[in-house]
């Protein structure tokens, strides 16, 4: 697989996950809205890493780490940096039952709608700014 094919693969996965997040919001599965928002950003960041470093992204779910290692963390606005900090724990906490009850309390319909909106914005920004995809 060429580097461009790998990048496109990550973009396609990110696009698929944003559609899944939309579906989870519609069906009121709020825990999974948060989880899928994390997945969207993780995969678009891995596409960016792959483009900028021309290598396989690190095997981690830590959004900040991927952006730092990819050399594009500093191009994110402070608001975007704060947002990925908010998304980061949703990947792990959504997977383990001891965290599910607590995180479910925080993921209200309004909060999930806002997370999804911000996720779509950072995905679009990343595509246009780093990946040069419209």
Protein backbone atom coordinates (compact mmCIF):
# COMPACT_ATOMS: atom_id res chain seq x y z
CA UNK A 1 0.00 0.00 0.00
CA UNK A 2 1.43 3.40 -0.95
CA UNK A 3 1.62 6.24 1.55
CA UNK A 4 -1.21 8.05 -0.27
CA UNK A 5 -3.36 4.93 -0.03
CA UNK A 6 -2.64 4.69 3.69
CA UNK A 7 -3.63 8.32 4.16
CA UNK A 8 -6.85 7.78 2.23
CA UNK A 9 -7.58 4.67 4.27
CA UNK A 10 -7.36 6.70 7.53
CA UNK A 11 -9.55 9.44 6.03
CA UNK A 12 -12.16 6.89 4.96
CA UNK A 13 -12.21 5.36 8.44
CA UNK A 14 -12.61 8.79 10.00
CA UNK A 15 -15.49 9.62 7.63
CA UNK A 16 -17.19 6.32 8.44
CA UNK A 17 -16.84 6.97 12.15
CA UNK A 18 -18.40 10.43 11.92
CA UNK A 19 -21.42 8.85 10.25
CA UNK A 20 -21.53 6.31 13.07
CA UNK A 21 -21.37 9.11 15.66
CA UNK A 22 -24.32 10.80 13.90
CA UNK A 23 -26.27 7.53 14.08
CA UNK A 24 -25.45 7.08 17.76
CA UNK A 25 -26.71 10.60 18.51
CA UNK A 26 -29.96 9.92 16.67
CA UNK A 27 -30.49 6.69 18.59
CA UNK A 28 -29.57 8.34 21.92
CA UNK A 29 -26.56 6.13 22.58
CA UNK A 30 -24.63 8.97 24.13
CA UNK A 31 -21.75 6.96 25.55
CA UNK A 32 -20.93 5.85 22.02
CA UNK A 33 -21.25 9.34 20.59
CA UNK A 34 -18.31 10.34 22.77
CA UNK A 35 -16.37 7.22 21.88
CA UNK A 36 -16.96 7.66 18.14
CA UNK A 37 -16.02 11.35 18.27
CA UNK A 38 -12.69 10.28 19.72
CA UNK A 39 -12.31 7.70 16.94
CA UNK A 40 -13.02 10.30 14.23
CA UNK A 41 -10.29 12.59 15.50
CA UNK A 42 -7.85 9.76 16.18
CA UNK A 43 -8.12 8.50 12.61
CA UNK A 44 -7.89 11.91 10.95
CA UNK A 45 -4.85 12.62 13.13
CA UNK A 46 -3.32 9.31 12.07
CA UNK A 47 -3.91 10.29 8.43
CA UNK A 48 -2.09 13.56 9.17
CA UNK A 49 0.77 11.76 10.90
CA UNK A 50 1.08 9.39 7.95
CA UNK A 51 1.22 12.32 5.51
CA UNK A 52 3.68 14.43 7.47
CA UNK A 53 6.01 11.66 8.67
CA UNK A 54 5.54 9.24 5.77
CA UNK A 55 5.44 6.41 8.25
CA UNK A 56 3.02 4.37 10.33
CA UNK A 57 1.44 6.36 13.14
CA UNK A 58 2.13 5.31 16.72
CA UNK A 59 0.01 2.52 18.21
CA UNK A 60 -1.78 4.74 20.69
CA UNK A 61 -5.19 6.30 21.18
CA UNK A 62 -3.74 9.43 22.80
CA UNK A 63 -4.77 12.29 20.52
CA UNK A 64 -2.31 14.80 21.93
CA UNK A 65 0.56 12.32 21.60
CA UNK A 66 -0.31 11.58 17.97
CA UNK A 67 -0.43 15.30 17.17
CA UNK A 68 2.82 16.00 19.02
CA UNK A 69 4.67 13.10 17.39
CA UNK A 70 3.22 14.06 14.02
CA UNK A 71 4.57 17.58 14.40
CA UNK A 72 1.23 19.35 14.03
CA UNK A 73 0.10 19.89 17.62
CA UNK A 74 1.31 23.50 17.57
CA UNK A 75 -0.77 24.23 14.47
CA UNK A 76 -3.93 23.48 16.44
CA UNK A 77 -5.60 26.45 18.06
CA UNK A 78 -5.78 26.59 21.84
CA UNK A 79 -9.48 25.76 21.56
CA UNK A 80 -8.69 22.70 19.43
CA UNK A 81 -5.99 21.61 21.87
CA UNK A 82 -8.47 21.92 24.74
CA UNK A 83 -11.03 19.94 22.75
CA UNK A 84 -8.70 17.00 22.10
CA UNK A 85 -7.89 17.06 25.80
CA UNK A 86 -11.61 16.71 26.48
CA UNK A 87 -11.99 13.89 23.94
CA UNK A 88 -8.93 11.92 25.01
CA UNK A 89 -10.45 10.13 28.02
CA UNK A 90 -13.62 9.19 26.11
CA UNK A 91 -11.76 6.44 24.30
CA UNK A 92 -10.67 4.54 27.39
CA UNK A 93 -13.51 5.41 29.73
CA UNK A 94 -16.14 4.27 27.24
CA UNK A 95 -14.56 0.81 27.08
CA UNK A 96 -14.54 -0.10 30.76
CA UNK A 97 -17.65 -0.69 32.83
CA UNK A 98 -16.27 1.00 35.95
CA UNK A 99 -16.16 4.29 34.03
CA UNK A 100 -19.35 3.93 32.00
CA UNK A 101 -21.79 5.07 34.70
CA UNK A 102 -19.76 8.17 35.51
CA UNK A 103 -19.14 9.17 31.93
CA UNK A 104 -22.76 8.54 30.98
CA UNK A 105 -23.81 11.23 33.47
CA UNK A 106 -21.63 13.77 31.66
CA UNK A 107 -22.70 12.83 28.14
CA UNK A 108 -26.06 14.54 27.95
CA UNK A 109 -27.87 15.02 24.63
CA UNK A 110 -26.73 18.66 24.53
CA UNK A 111 -23.14 17.77 25.40
CA UNK A 112 -23.05 15.04 22.74
CA UNK A 113 -24.43 17.37 20.08
CA UNK A 114 -21.69 19.87 20.95
CA UNK A 115 -18.98 17.17 20.93
CA UNK A 116 -20.12 15.99 17.51
CA UNK A 117 -20.22 19.54 16.13
CA UNK A 118 -16.68 20.22 17.38
CA UNK A 119 -15.51 16.84 16.08
CA UNK A 120 -16.79 17.63 12.61
CA UNK A 121 -15.10 21.03 12.76
CA UNK A 122 -11.69 19.64 13.74
CA UNK A 123 -12.01 16.85 11.17
CA UNK A 124 -12.80 19.42 8.43
CA UNK A 125 -10.01 21.73 9.58
CA UNK A 126 -7.51 18.86 9.59
CA UNK A 127 -8.54 17.74 6.11
CA UNK A 128 -8.23 21.26 4.71
CA UNK A 129 -5.17 22.48 6.63
CA UNK A 130 -2.95 19.43 6.99
CA UNK A 131 -4.23 16.97 4.42
CA UNK A 132 -5.27 19.54 1.77
CA UNK A 133 -8.51 17.65 1.07
CA UNK A 134 -11.72 19.57 0.42
